[in-house]
């Protein structure tokens, strides 16, 4: 965003052919490099801060689904015809 104005200003100052112009050119080039590095550092810092954040809390629906997805399945009951009938003679 600031790279183009700094670049054009530095080229204008270099074209002045005076020592002050060359000094300004180098100062502007250094400033552009510093801004670029700062932007990269801030981008990395934002990613690192997101990595340090607590994980988002699950909704109750997700918790119930996870519970039933990992719950032990009880053994199946035998069909009613296979059970011994205590009332039989």
PDB file of N, CA and C in Angstrom:
ATOM      1  N   UNK A   1       0.823  -1.175   0.000  1.00  0.00           N
ATOM      2  CA  UNK A   1       0.000   0.000   0.000  1.00  0.00           C
ATOM      3  C   UNK A   1       0.875   1.250   0.000  1.00  0.00           C
ATOM      4  N   UNK A   2       1.849   1.295   0.846  1.00  0.00           N
ATOM      5  CA  UNK A   2       2.743   2.449   0.895  1.00  0.00           C
ATOM      6  C   UNK A   2       3.968   2.269   0.005  1.00  0.00           C
ATOM      7  N   UNK A   3       4.093   1.107  -0.585  1.00  0.00           N
ATOM      8  CA  UNK A   3       5.297   0.824  -1.357  1.00  0.00           C
ATOM      9  C   UNK A   3       5.416   1.718  -2.588  1.00  0.00           C
ATOM     10  N   UNK A   4       4.332   1.897  -3.303  1.00  0.00           N
ATOM     11  CA  UNK A   4       4.386   2.718  -4.526  1.00  0.00           C
ATOM     12  C   UNK A   4       4.713   4.175  -4.226  1.00  0.00           C
ATOM     13  N   UNK A   5       4.035   4.816  -3.260  1.00  0.00           N
ATOM     14  CA  UNK A   5       4.401   6.210  -2.987  1.00  0.00           C
ATOM     15  C   UNK A   5       5.846   6.350  -2.503  1.00  0.00           C
ATOM     16  N   UNK A   6       6.299   5.413  -1.675  1.00  0.00           N
ATOM     17  CA  UNK A   6       7.686   5.496  -1.208  1.00  0.00           C
ATOM     18  C   UNK A   6       8.668   5.293  -2.360  1.00  0.00           C
ATOM     19  N   UNK A   7       8.328   4.355  -3.247  1.00  0.00           N
ATOM     20  CA  UNK A   7       9.215   4.100  -4.385  1.00  0.00           C
ATOM     21  C   UNK A   7       9.285   5.319  -5.305  1.00  0.00           C
ATOM     22  N   UNK A   8       8.128   5.902  -5.604  1.00  0.00           N
ATOM     23  CA  UNK A   8       8.142   7.060  -6.508  1.00  0.00           C
ATOM     24  C   UNK A   8       8.825   8.253  -5.848  1.00  0.00           C
ATOM     25  N   UNK A   9       8.622   8.448  -4.539  1.00  0.00           N
ATOM     26  CA  UNK A   9       9.304   9.541  -3.831  1.00  0.00           C
ATOM     27  C   UNK A   9      10.804   9.315  -3.804  1.00  0.00           C
ATOM     28  N   UNK A  10      11.210   8.060  -3.611  1.00  0.00           N
ATOM     29  CA  UNK A  10      12.647   7.792  -3.575  1.00  0.00           C
ATOM     30  C   UNK A  10      13.277   8.014  -4.946  1.00  0.00           C
ATOM     31  N   UNK A  11      12.566   7.652  -6.018  1.00  0.00           N
ATOM     32  CA  UNK A  11      13.099   7.883  -7.360  1.00  0.00           C
ATOM     33  C   UNK A  11      13.177   9.372  -7.672  1.00  0.00           C
ATOM     34  N   UNK A  12      12.173  10.134  -7.219  1.00  0.00           N
ATOM     35  CA  UNK A  12      12.207  11.586  -7.422  1.00  0.00           C
ATOM     36  C   UNK A  12      13.380  12.210  -6.680  1.00  0.00           C
ATOM     37  N   UNK A  13      13.609  11.741  -5.454  1.00  0.00           N
ATOM     38  CA  UNK A  13      14.708  12.316  -4.674  1.00  0.00           C
ATOM     39  C   UNK A  13      16.059  11.915  -5.251  1.00  0.00           C
ATOM     40  N   UNK A  14      16.155  10.722  -5.820  1.00  0.00           N
ATOM     41  CA  UNK A  14      17.415  10.290  -6.418  1.00  0.00           C
ATOM     42  C   UNK A  14      17.715  11.121  -7.665  1.00  0.00           C
ATOM     43  N   UNK A  15      16.682  11.544  -8.345  1.00  0.00           N
ATOM     44  CA  UNK A  15      16.870  12.329  -9.563  1.00  0.00           C
ATOM     45  C   UNK A  15      17.333  13.750  -9.303  1.00  0.00           C
ATOM     46  N   UNK A  16      17.322  14.184  -8.057  1.00  0.00           N
ATOM     47  CA  UNK A  16      17.730  15.563  -7.768  1.00  0.00           C
ATOM     48  C   UNK A  16      19.237  15.748  -7.879  1.00  0.00           C
ATOM     49  N   UNK A  17      19.989  14.705  -7.864  1.00  0.00           N
ATOM     50  CA  UNK A  17      21.457  14.722  -8.033  1.00  0.00           C
ATOM     51  C   UNK A  17      22.180  15.496  -6.938  1.00  0.00           C
ATOM     52  N   UNK A  18      21.590  15.657  -5.788  1.00  0.00           N
ATOM     53  CA  UNK A  18      22.286  16.285  -4.667  1.00  0.00           C
ATOM     54  C   UNK A  18      22.454  15.241  -3.564  1.00  0.00           C
ATOM     55  N   UNK A  19      23.354  15.534  -2.645  1.00  0.00           N
ATOM     56  CA  UNK A  19      23.607  14.597  -1.548  1.00  0.00           C
ATOM     57  C   UNK A  19      22.353  14.396  -0.697  1.00  0.00           C
ATOM     58  N   UNK A  20      21.625  15.476  -0.474  1.00  0.00           N
ATOM     59  CA  UNK A  20      20.388  15.348   0.301  1.00  0.00           C
ATOM     60  C   UNK A  20      19.390  14.448  -0.417  1.00  0.00           C
ATOM     61  N   UNK A  21      19.349  14.539  -1.720  1.00  0.00           N
ATOM     62  CA  UNK A  21      18.442  13.695  -2.504  1.00  0.00           C
ATOM     63  C   UNK A  21      18.807  12.218  -2.375  1.00  0.00           C
ATOM     64  N   UNK A  22      20.118  11.918  -2.430  1.00  0.00           N
ATOM     65  CA  UNK A  22      20.558  10.535  -2.289  1.00  0.00           C
ATOM     66  C   UNK A  22      20.291  10.019  -0.867  1.00  0.00           C
ATOM     67  N   UNK A  23      20.508  10.872   0.123  1.00  0.00           N
ATOM     68  CA  UNK A  23      20.227  10.469   1.510  1.00  0.00           C
ATOM     69  C   UNK A  23      18.739  10.185   1.693  1.00  0.00           C
ATOM     70  N   UNK A  24      17.901  11.058   1.132  1.00  0.00           N
ATOM     71  CA  UNK A  24      16.470  10.855   1.231  1.00  0.00           C
ATOM     72  C   UNK A  24      16.054   9.578   0.507  1.00  0.00           C
ATOM     73  N   UNK A  25      16.670   9.317  -0.634  1.00  0.00           N
ATOM     74  CA  UNK A  25      16.389   8.097  -1.386  1.00  0.00           C
ATOM     75  C   UNK A  25      16.658   6.867  -0.522  1.00  0.00           C
ATOM     76  N   UNK A  26      17.821   6.836   0.120  1.00  0.00           N
ATOM     77  CA  UNK A  26      18.168   5.678   0.954  1.00  0.00           C
ATOM     78  C   UNK A  26      17.270   5.580   2.194  1.00  0.00           C
ATOM     79  N   UNK A  27      16.924   6.720   2.756  1.00  0.00           N
ATOM     80  CA  UNK A  27      16.017   6.711   3.911  1.00  0.00           C
ATOM     81  C   UNK A  27      14.645   6.153   3.522  1.00  0.00           C
ATOM     82  N   UNK A  28      14.148   6.568   2.356  1.00  0.00           N
ATOM     83  CA  UNK A  28      12.850   6.079   1.908  1.00  0.00           C
ATOM     84  C   UNK A  28      12.893   4.591   1.561  1.00  0.00           C
ATOM     85  N   UNK A  29      13.983   4.146   0.963  1.00  0.00           N
ATOM     86  CA  UNK A  29      14.131   2.718   0.656  1.00  0.00           C
ATOM     87  C   UNK A  29      14.185   1.898   1.949  1.00  0.00           C
ATOM     88  N   UNK A  30      14.914   2.404   2.944  1.00  0.00           N
ATOM     89  CA  UNK A  30      14.993   1.725   4.242  1.00  0.00           C
ATOM     90  C   UNK A  30      13.621   1.703   4.920  1.00  0.00           C
ATOM     91  N   UNK A  31      12.890   2.809   4.828  1.00  0.00           N
ATOM     92  CA  UNK A  31      11.546   2.858   5.402  1.00  0.00           C
ATOM     93  C   UNK A  31      10.604   1.866   4.736  1.00  0.00           C
ATOM     94  N   UNK A  32      10.688   1.746   3.419  1.00  0.00           N
ATOM     95  CA  UNK A  32       9.841   0.794   2.701  1.00  0.00           C
ATOM     96  C   UNK A  32      10.163  -0.637   3.120  1.00  0.00           C
ATOM     97  N   UNK A  33      11.449  -0.939   3.268  1.00  0.00           N
ATOM     98  CA  UNK A  33      11.860  -2.275   3.697  1.00  0.00           C
ATOM     99  C   UNK A  33      11.395  -2.551   5.125  1.00  0.00           C
ATOM    100  N   UNK A  34      11.498  -1.567   5.987  1.00  0.00           N
ATOM    101  CA  UNK A  34      11.054  -1.721   7.374  1.00  0.00           C
ATOM    102  C   UNK A  34       9.555  -1.977   7.438  1.00  0.00           C
ATOM    103  N   UNK A  35       8.791  -1.232   6.645  1.00  0.00           N
ATOM    104  CA  UNK A  35       7.338  -1.440   6.620  1.00  0.00           C
ATOM    105  C   UNK A  35       6.978  -2.829   6.103  1.00  0.00           C
ATOM    106  N   UNK A  36       7.675  -3.297   5.093  1.00  0.00           N
ATOM    107  CA  UNK A  36       7.408  -4.628   4.544  1.00  0.00           C
ATOM    108  C   UNK A  36       7.692  -5.700   5.591  1.00  0.00           C
ATOM    109  N   UNK A  37       8.826  -5.568   6.275  1.00  0.00           N
ATOM    110  CA  UNK A  37       9.176  -6.548   7.319  1.00  0.00           C
ATOM    111  C   UNK A  37       8.202  -6.488   8.489  1.00  0.00           C
ATOM    112  N   UNK A  38       7.773  -5.286   8.850  1.00  0.00           N
ATOM    113  CA  UNK A  38       6.812  -5.136   9.935  1.00  0.00           C
ATOM    114  C   UNK A  38       5.488  -5.809   9.579  1.00  0.00           C
ATOM    115  N   UNK A  39       5.049  -5.644   8.349  1.00  0.00           N
ATOM    116  CA  UNK A  39       3.820  -6.301   7.902  1.00  0.00           C
ATOM    117  C   UNK A  39       3.930  -7.817   7.975  1.00  0.00           C
ATOM    118  N   UNK A  40       5.080  -8.352   7.569  1.00  0.00           N
ATOM    119  CA  UNK A  40       5.285  -9.800   7.644  1.00  0.00           C
ATOM    120  C   UNK A  40       5.297 -10.263   9.101  1.00  0.00           C
ATOM    121  N   UNK A  41       5.961  -9.505   9.968  1.00  0.00           N
ATOM    122  CA  UNK A  41       6.012  -9.867  11.388  1.00  0.00           C
ATOM    123  C   UNK A  41       4.629  -9.848  12.013  1.00  0.00           C
ATOM    124  N   UNK A  42       3.830  -8.841  11.676  1.00  0.00           N
ATOM    125  CA  UNK A  42       2.480  -8.756  12.233  1.00  0.00           C
ATOM    126  C   UNK A  42       1.595  -9.880  11.717  1.00  0.00           C
ATOM    127  N   UNK A  43       1.789 -10.269  10.467  1.00  0.00           N
ATOM    128  CA  UNK A  43       1.012 -11.371   9.907  1.00  0.00           C
ATOM    129  C   UNK A  43       1.325 -12.666  10.650  1.00  0.00           C
ATOM    130  N   UNK A  44       2.600 -12.916  10.900  1.00  0.00           N
ATOM    131  CA  UNK A  44       3.018 -14.119  11.628  1.00  0.00           C
ATOM    132  C   UNK A  44       2.539 -14.052  13.074  1.00  0.00           C
ATOM    133  N   UNK A  45       2.611 -12.870  13.678  1.00  0.00           N
ATOM    134  CA  UNK A  45       2.173 -12.724  15.075  1.00  0.00           C
ATOM    135  C   UNK A  45       0.688 -13.028  15.214  1.00  0.00           C
ATOM    136  N   UNK A  46      -0.106 -12.608  14.265  1.00  0.00           N
ATOM    137  CA  UNK A  46      -1.543 -12.885  14.327  1.00  0.00           C
ATOM    138  C   UNK A  46      -1.810 -14.388  14.256  1.00  0.00           C
ATOM    139  N   UNK A  47      -1.091 -15.089  13.399  1.00  0.00           N
ATOM    140  CA  UNK A  47      -1.252 -16.542  13.299  1.00  0.00           C
ATOM    141  C   UNK A  47      -0.830 -17.220  14.602  1.00  0.00           C
ATOM    142  N   UNK A  48       0.265 -16.752  15.193  1.00  0.00           N
ATOM    143  CA  UNK A  48       0.735 -17.353  16.441  1.00  0.00           C
ATOM    144  C   UNK A  48      -0.236 -17.084  17.582  1.00  0.00           C
ATOM    145  N   UNK A  49      -0.851 -15.909  17.612  1.00  0.00           N
ATOM    146  CA  UNK A  49      -1.832 -15.605  18.656  1.00  0.00           C
ATOM    147  C   UNK A  49      -3.064 -16.492  18.515  1.00  0.00           C
ATOM    148  N   UNK A  50      -3.487 -16.757  17.273  1.00  0.00           N
ATOM    149  CA  UNK A  50      -4.623 -17.652  17.064  1.00  0.00           C
ATOM    150  C   UNK A  50      -4.292 -19.057  17.541  1.00  0.00           C
ATOM    151  N   UNK A  51      -3.040 -19.474  17.349  1.00  0.00           N
ATOM    152  CA  UNK A  51      -2.630 -20.811  17.786  1.00  0.00           C
ATOM    153  C   UNK A  51      -2.614 -20.915  19.311  1.00  0.00           C
ATOM    154  N   UNK A  52      -2.365 -19.811  20.001  1.00  0.00           N
ATOM    155  CA  UNK A  52      -2.328 -19.819  21.462  1.00  0.00           C
ATOM    156  C   UNK A  52      -3.710 -19.738  22.092  1.00  0.00           C
ATOM    157  N   UNK A  53      -4.688 -19.341  21.347  1.00  0.00           N
ATOM    158  CA  UNK A  53      -6.037 -19.159  21.897  1.00  0.00           C
ATOM    159  C   UNK A  53      -6.625 -20.501  22.312  1.00  0.00           C
ATOM    160  N   UNK A  54      -7.541 -20.443  23.251  1.00  0.00           N
ATOM    161  CA  UNK A  54      -8.233 -21.649  23.684  1.00  0.00           C
ATOM    162  C   UNK A  54      -9.078 -22.179  22.539  1.00  0.00           C
ATOM    163  N   UNK A  55      -9.197 -23.488  22.448  1.00  0.00           N
ATOM    164  CA  UNK A  55     -10.056 -24.018  21.388  1.00  0.00           C
ATOM    165  C   UNK A  55     -11.501 -23.617  21.640  1.00  0.00           C
ATOM    166  N   UNK A  56     -12.234 -23.481  20.564  1.00  0.00           N
ATOM    167  CA  UNK A  56     -13.628 -23.082  20.702  1.00  0.00           C
ATOM    168  C   UNK A  56     -14.412 -24.179  21.406  1.00  0.00           C
ATOM    169  N   UNK A  57     -15.350 -23.758  22.238  1.00  0.00           N
ATOM    170  CA  UNK A  57     -16.165 -24.699  22.988  1.00  0.00           C
ATOM    171  C   UNK A  57     -17.184 -25.340  22.061  1.00  0.00           C
ATOM    172  N   UNK A  58     -17.350 -26.643  22.225  1.00  0.00           N
ATOM    173  CA  UNK A  58     -18.304 -27.351  21.386  1.00  0.00           C
ATOM    174  C   UNK A  58     -19.728 -27.020  21.801  1.00  0.00           C
ATOM    175  N   UNK A  59     -20.609 -27.075  20.848  1.00  0.00           N
ATOM    176  CA  UNK A  59     -22.023 -26.875  21.161  1.00  0.00           C
ATOM    177  C   UNK A  59     -22.541 -28.134  21.853  1.00  0.00           C
ATOM    178  N   UNK A  60     -23.677 -28.034  22.488  1.00  0.00           N
ATOM    179  CA  UNK A  60     -24.208 -29.199  23.191  1.00  0.00           C
ATOM    180  C   UNK A  60     -24.581 -30.306  22.211  1.00  0.00           C
ATOM    181  N   UNK A  61     -24.959 -29.926  20.981  1.00  0.00           N
ATOM    182  CA  UNK A  61     -25.294 -30.939  19.985  1.00  0.00           C
ATOM    183  C   UNK A  61     -24.054 -31.754  19.609  1.00  0.00           C
ATOM    184  N   UNK A  62     -22.926 -31.050  19.445  1.00  0.00           N
ATOM    185  CA  UNK A  62     -21.688 -31.759  19.123  1.00  0.00           C
ATOM    186  C   UNK A  62     -21.254 -32.653  20.271  1.00  0.00           C
ATOM    187  N   UNK A  63     -21.431 -32.193  21.510  1.00  0.00           N
ATOM    188  CA  UNK A  63     -21.055 -32.993  22.672  1.00  0.00           C
ATOM    189  C   UNK A  63     -21.910 -34.258  22.763  1.00  0.00           C
ATOM    190  N   UNK A  64     -23.218 -34.131  22.524  1.00  0.00           N
ATOM    191  CA  UNK A  64     -24.098 -35.298  22.569  1.00  0.00           C
ATOM    192  C   UNK A  64     -23.745 -36.272  21.451  1.00  0.00           C
ATOM    193  N   UNK A  65     -23.488 -35.757  20.265  1.00  0.00           N
ATOM    194  CA  UNK A  65     -23.130 -36.622  19.145  1.00  0.00           C
ATOM    195  C   UNK A  65     -21.816 -37.347  19.422  1.00  0.00           C
ATOM    196  N   UNK A  66     -20.858 -36.654  20.006  1.00  0.00           N
ATOM    197  CA  UNK A  66     -19.577 -37.290  20.343  1.00  0.00           C
ATOM    198  C   UNK A  66     -19.773 -38.351  21.417  1.00  0.00           C
ATOM    199  N   UNK A  67     -20.641 -38.078  22.394  1.00  0.00           N
ATOM    200  CA  UNK A  67     -20.896 -39.044  23.454  1.00  0.00           C
ATOM    201  C   UNK A  67     -21.493 -40.321  22.882  1.00  0.00           C
ATOM    202  N   UNK A  68     -22.535 -40.165  22.076  1.00  0.00           N
ATOM    203  CA  UNK A  68     -23.166 -41.355  21.522  1.00  0.00           C
ATOM    204  C   UNK A  68     -22.297 -42.024  20.468  1.00  0.00           C
ATOM    205  N   UNK A  69     -21.424 -41.285  19.867  1.00  0.00           N
ATOM    206  CA  UNK A  69     -20.516 -41.887  18.896  1.00  0.00           C
ATOM    207  C   UNK A  69     -19.454 -42.744  19.548  1.00  0.00           C
ATOM    208  N   UNK A  70     -19.131 -42.478  20.807  1.00  0.00           N
ATOM    209  CA  UNK A  70     -18.086 -43.241  21.496  1.00  0.00           C
ATOM    210  C   UNK A  70     -18.643 -44.087  22.642  1.00  0.00           C
ATOM    211  N   UNK A  71     -19.937 -44.027  22.891  1.00  0.00           N
ATOM    212  CA  UNK A  71     -20.536 -44.781  24.003  1.00  0.00           C
ATOM    213  C   UNK A  71     -20.506 -46.278  23.717  1.00  0.00           C
ATOM    214  N   UNK A  72     -20.391 -47.053  24.798  1.00  0.00           N
ATOM    215  CA  UNK A  72     -20.408 -48.505  24.677  1.00  0.00           C
ATOM    216  C   UNK A  72     -21.823 -48.942  24.324  1.00  0.00           C
ATOM    217  N   UNK A  73     -21.918 -49.825  23.376  1.00  0.00           N
ATOM    218  CA  UNK A  73     -23.228 -50.322  22.953  1.00  0.00           C
ATOM    219  C   UNK A  73     -23.557 -51.531  23.828  1.00  0.00           C
ATOM    220  N   UNK A  74     -24.689 -51.496  24.526  1.00  0.00           N
ATOM    221  CA  UNK A  74     -25.039 -52.639  25.379  1.00  0.00           C
ATOM    222  C   UNK A  74     -25.394 -53.845  24.518  1.00  0.00           C
ATOM    223  N   UNK A  75     -25.216 -55.053  25.085  1.00  0.00           N
ATOM    224  CA  UNK A  75     -25.570 -56.237  24.289  1.00  0.00           C
ATOM    225  C   UNK A  75     -27.073 -56.244  23.994  1.00  0.00           C
ATOM    226  N   UNK A  76     -27.401 -56.776  22.871  1.00  0.00           N
ATOM    227  CA  UNK A  76     -28.807 -56.795  22.450  1.00  0.00           C
ATOM    228  C   UNK A  76     -29.595 -57.768  23.323  1.00  0.00           C
ATOM    229  N   UNK A  77     -30.812 -57.420  23.612  1.00  0.00           N
ATOM    230  CA  UNK A  77     -31.688 -58.299  24.378  1.00  0.00           C
ATOM    231  C   UNK A  77     -32.173 -59.398  23.442  1.00  0.00           C
ATOM    232  N   UNK A  78     -32.325 -60.604  23.972  1.00  0.00           N
ATOM    233  CA  UNK A  78     -32.860 -61.671  23.103  1.00  0.00           C
ATOM    234  C   UNK A  78     -34.309 -61.368  22.746  1.00  0.00           C
ATOM    235  N   UNK A  79     -34.756 -61.820  21.591  1.00  0.00           N
ATOM    236  CA  UNK A  79     -36.151 -61.588  21.209  1.00  0.00           C
ATOM    237  C   UNK A  79     -37.105 -62.227  22.222  1.00  0.00           C
ATOM    238  N   UNK A  80     -38.318 -61.725  22.338  1.00  0.00           N
ATOM    239  CA  UNK A  80     -39.256 -62.237  23.339  1.00  0.00           C
ATOM    240  C   UNK A  80     -39.538 -63.734  23.194  1.00  0.00           C
ATOM    241  N   UNK A  81     -39.502 -64.288  22.002  1.00  0.00           N
ATOM    242  CA  UNK A  81     -39.790 -65.713  21.816  1.00  0.00           C
ATOM    243  C   UNK A  81     -38.659 -66.586  22.346  1.00  0.00           C
ATOM    244  N   UNK A  82     -37.469 -66.092  22.437  1.00  0.00           N
ATOM    245  CA  UNK A  82     -36.331 -66.875  22.904  1.00  0.00           C
ATOM    246  C   UNK A  82     -36.186 -66.822  24.417  1.00  0.00           C
ATOM    247  N   UNK A  83     -36.841 -65.886  25.083  1.00  0.00           N
ATOM    248  CA  UNK A  83     -36.753 -65.792  26.533  1.00  0.00           C
ATOM    249  C   UNK A  83     -37.579 -66.907  27.188  1.00  0.00           C
ATOM    250  N   UNK A  84     -37.061 -67.455  28.269  1.00  0.00           N
ATOM    251  CA  UNK A  84     -37.863 -68.470  28.968  1.00  0.00           C
ATOM    252  C   UNK A  84     -39.075 -67.796  29.624  1.00  0.00           C
ATOM    253  N   UNK A  85     -40.203 -68.404  29.431  1.00  0.00           N
ATOM    254  CA  UNK A  85     -41.434 -67.848  29.987  1.00  0.00           C
ATOM    255  C   UNK A  85     -41.691 -68.501  31.341  1.00  0.00           C
ATOM    256  N   UNK A  86     -41.762 -67.697  32.367  1.00  0.00           N
ATOM    257  CA  UNK A  86     -41.959 -68.226  33.709  1.00  0.00           C
ATOM    258  C   UNK A  86     -43.417 -68.667  33.942  1.00  0.00           C
ATOM    259  N   UNK A  87     -44.300 -68.228  33.079  1.00  0.00           N
ATOM    260  CA  UNK A  87     -45.714 -68.601  33.254  1.00  0.00           C
ATOM    261  C   UNK A  87     -46.066 -69.886  32.502  1.00  0.00           C
ATOM    262  N   UNK A  88     -45.132 -70.425  31.785  1.00  0.00           N
ATOM    263  CA  UNK A  88     -45.437 -71.644  31.019  1.00  0.00           C
ATOM    264  C   UNK A  88     -45.590 -72.841  31.954  1.00  0.00           C
ATOM    265  N   UNK A  89     -46.492 -73.857  31.641  1.00  0.00           N
ATOM    266  CA  UNK A  89     -46.713 -75.010  32.527  1.00  0.00           C
ATOM    267  C   UNK A  89     -45.582 -75.978  32.555  1.00  0.00           C
TER     268      UNK A  89
END
